[in-house]
N, C-alpha and C. Protein backbone atom coordinates (compact mmCIF):
# COMPACT_ATOMS: atom_id res chain seq x y z
N MET A 1 -72.69 -75.36 85.06
CA MET A 1 -72.74 -76.81 85.25
C MET A 1 -74.18 -77.31 85.17
N HIS A 2 -75.10 -76.50 85.64
CA HIS A 2 -76.49 -76.89 85.65
C HIS A 2 -77.02 -77.10 84.22
N LEU A 3 -76.60 -76.24 83.31
CA LEU A 3 -77.04 -76.35 81.92
C LEU A 3 -76.53 -77.64 81.28
N ARG A 4 -75.33 -78.05 81.60
CA ARG A 4 -74.78 -79.30 81.05
C ARG A 4 -75.58 -80.50 81.53
N ILE A 5 -75.95 -80.51 82.79
CA ILE A 5 -76.69 -81.65 83.34
C ILE A 5 -78.08 -81.74 82.72
N VAL A 6 -78.76 -80.61 82.66
CA VAL A 6 -80.12 -80.60 82.08
C VAL A 6 -80.05 -80.95 80.59
N GLY A 7 -79.08 -80.41 79.88
CA GLY A 7 -78.93 -80.71 78.46
C GLY A 7 -78.62 -82.16 78.18
N THR A 8 -77.78 -82.74 79.01
CA THR A 8 -77.42 -84.15 78.84
C THR A 8 -78.62 -85.06 79.12
N ILE A 9 -79.32 -84.80 80.21
CA ILE A 9 -80.50 -85.62 80.54
C ILE A 9 -81.58 -85.44 79.47
N GLY A 10 -81.77 -84.22 79.03
CA GLY A 10 -82.76 -83.96 77.99
C GLY A 10 -82.44 -84.66 76.69
N THR A 11 -81.17 -84.63 76.29
CA THR A 11 -80.75 -85.32 75.06
C THR A 11 -80.94 -86.82 75.19
N PHE A 12 -80.54 -87.38 76.33
CA PHE A 12 -80.71 -88.81 76.55
C PHE A 12 -82.18 -89.21 76.45
N LEU A 13 -83.04 -88.47 77.15
CA LEU A 13 -84.47 -88.82 77.14
C LEU A 13 -85.09 -88.62 75.76
N LEU A 14 -84.69 -87.56 75.07
CA LEU A 14 -85.23 -87.32 73.73
C LEU A 14 -84.88 -88.47 72.79
N VAL A 15 -83.63 -88.89 72.80
CA VAL A 15 -83.21 -89.99 71.91
C VAL A 15 -83.84 -91.31 72.37
N PHE A 16 -83.79 -91.59 73.66
CA PHE A 16 -84.29 -92.86 74.19
C PHE A 16 -85.79 -93.01 73.94
N LEU A 17 -86.56 -92.02 74.37
CA LEU A 17 -88.01 -92.12 74.22
C LEU A 17 -88.44 -92.00 72.76
N GLY A 18 -87.71 -91.20 71.99
CA GLY A 18 -88.03 -91.07 70.57
C GLY A 18 -87.84 -92.38 69.83
N LEU A 19 -86.73 -93.05 70.10
CA LEU A 19 -86.48 -94.33 69.43
C LEU A 19 -87.44 -95.41 69.92
N LEU A 20 -87.77 -95.42 71.21
CA LEU A 20 -88.75 -96.39 71.70
C LEU A 20 -90.10 -96.19 71.03
N HIS A 21 -90.48 -94.94 70.86
CA HIS A 21 -91.76 -94.64 70.20
C HIS A 21 -91.71 -95.05 68.73
N LYS A 22 -90.59 -94.80 68.08
CA LYS A 22 -90.47 -95.09 66.65
C LYS A 22 -90.47 -96.60 66.40
N VAL A 23 -89.82 -97.36 67.27
CA VAL A 23 -89.71 -98.81 67.07
C VAL A 23 -91.03 -99.50 67.37
N GLY A 24 -91.74 -99.04 68.39
CA GLY A 24 -93.01 -99.69 68.74
C GLY A 24 -92.74 -100.93 69.57
N ASP A 25 -93.18 -102.09 69.08
CA ASP A 25 -92.89 -103.34 69.78
C ASP A 25 -91.41 -103.67 69.64
N PHE A 26 -90.77 -103.96 70.75
CA PHE A 26 -89.33 -104.23 70.72
C PHE A 26 -89.02 -105.37 71.67
N ASN A 27 -87.92 -106.04 71.39
CA ASN A 27 -87.46 -107.11 72.26
C ASN A 27 -86.29 -106.60 73.10
N ALA A 28 -85.70 -107.47 73.90
CA ALA A 28 -84.64 -107.06 74.82
C ALA A 28 -83.42 -106.54 74.06
N GLN A 29 -83.07 -107.17 72.96
CA GLN A 29 -81.89 -106.74 72.20
C GLN A 29 -82.09 -105.33 71.65
N GLU A 30 -83.24 -105.04 71.10
CA GLU A 30 -83.51 -103.70 70.58
C GLU A 30 -83.53 -102.67 71.70
N PHE A 31 -84.04 -103.07 72.88
CA PHE A 31 -84.05 -102.15 74.01
C PHE A 31 -82.64 -101.73 74.39
N PHE A 32 -81.72 -102.70 74.47
CA PHE A 32 -80.36 -102.37 74.87
C PHE A 32 -79.60 -101.61 73.79
N VAL A 33 -79.94 -101.83 72.52
CA VAL A 33 -79.34 -101.04 71.45
C VAL A 33 -79.81 -99.60 71.55
N ILE A 34 -81.09 -99.40 71.79
CA ILE A 34 -81.63 -98.05 71.96
C ILE A 34 -81.03 -97.38 73.19
N LEU A 35 -80.87 -98.13 74.27
CA LEU A 35 -80.25 -97.60 75.48
C LEU A 35 -78.81 -97.19 75.22
N ALA A 36 -78.07 -97.99 74.45
CA ALA A 36 -76.68 -97.66 74.12
C ALA A 36 -76.62 -96.41 73.24
N LEU A 37 -77.48 -96.30 72.25
CA LEU A 37 -77.50 -95.12 71.38
C LEU A 37 -77.83 -93.85 72.17
N ALA A 38 -78.78 -93.96 73.08
CA ALA A 38 -79.14 -92.81 73.90
C ALA A 38 -78.01 -92.43 74.84
N SER A 39 -77.29 -93.41 75.36
CA SER A 39 -76.15 -93.12 76.22
C SER A 39 -75.04 -92.44 75.45
N ILE A 40 -74.79 -92.87 74.23
CA ILE A 40 -73.78 -92.23 73.40
C ILE A 40 -74.18 -90.79 73.10
N ALA A 41 -75.46 -90.57 72.79
CA ALA A 41 -75.93 -89.21 72.52
C ALA A 41 -75.80 -88.33 73.76
N GLY A 42 -76.08 -88.89 74.93
CA GLY A 42 -75.91 -88.14 76.18
C GLY A 42 -74.47 -87.79 76.45
N ALA A 43 -73.56 -88.73 76.17
CA ALA A 43 -72.13 -88.46 76.37
C ALA A 43 -71.63 -87.38 75.41
N ILE A 44 -72.09 -87.43 74.17
CA ILE A 44 -71.71 -86.39 73.21
C ILE A 44 -72.24 -85.04 73.66
N ALA A 45 -73.47 -84.99 74.14
CA ALA A 45 -74.04 -83.73 74.63
C ALA A 45 -73.27 -83.21 75.83
N TRP A 46 -72.85 -84.10 76.71
CA TRP A 46 -72.11 -83.69 77.90
C TRP A 46 -70.80 -83.00 77.53
N PHE A 47 -70.08 -83.58 76.57
CA PHE A 47 -68.78 -83.02 76.22
C PHE A 47 -68.87 -81.86 75.23
N LYS A 48 -69.98 -81.72 74.50
CA LYS A 48 -70.10 -80.66 73.53
C LYS A 48 -70.79 -79.41 74.08
N LEU A 49 -71.55 -79.54 75.15
CA LEU A 49 -72.25 -78.37 75.69
C LEU A 49 -71.27 -77.43 76.36
N PHE A 50 -71.71 -76.20 76.52
CA PHE A 50 -70.88 -75.14 77.09
C PHE A 50 -70.29 -75.54 78.42
N LYS A 51 -68.99 -75.35 78.54
CA LYS A 51 -68.30 -75.61 79.79
C LYS A 51 -67.97 -74.26 80.43
N PRO A 52 -68.51 -74.00 81.60
CA PRO A 52 -68.22 -72.71 82.22
C PRO A 52 -66.76 -72.61 82.62
N GLY A 53 -66.12 -71.52 82.24
CA GLY A 53 -64.73 -71.31 82.56
C GLY A 53 -64.58 -70.57 83.88
N PRO A 54 -63.36 -70.38 84.29
CA PRO A 54 -63.13 -69.65 85.55
C PRO A 54 -63.54 -68.17 85.38
N ARG A 55 -64.14 -67.64 86.40
CA ARG A 55 -64.55 -66.23 86.35
C ARG A 55 -63.35 -65.35 86.68
N ARG A 56 -63.17 -64.35 85.86
CA ARG A 56 -62.05 -63.44 86.07
C ARG A 56 -62.50 -62.25 86.89
N GLU A 57 -61.63 -61.83 87.76
CA GLU A 57 -61.92 -60.65 88.57
C GLU A 57 -60.93 -59.55 88.24
N GLY A 58 -61.34 -58.34 88.47
CA GLY A 58 -60.43 -57.22 88.26
C GLY A 58 -60.78 -56.39 87.06
N ASN A 59 -59.85 -55.61 86.66
CA ASN A 59 -59.90 -54.64 85.56
C ASN A 59 -61.31 -54.33 85.23
């Protein structure tokens, strides 16, 4: 679970800060578009990253 959280936050920050840096001067509309894109990227990372399954015991 820890890997999913770190991966999601890292993906969000990478997309968010990368786009803010690329755009340079931005207005409120561009800020919220970048925020939405970063949120979508974070959600995709959350659902695509490794999900730990139940640990099996025995044999």
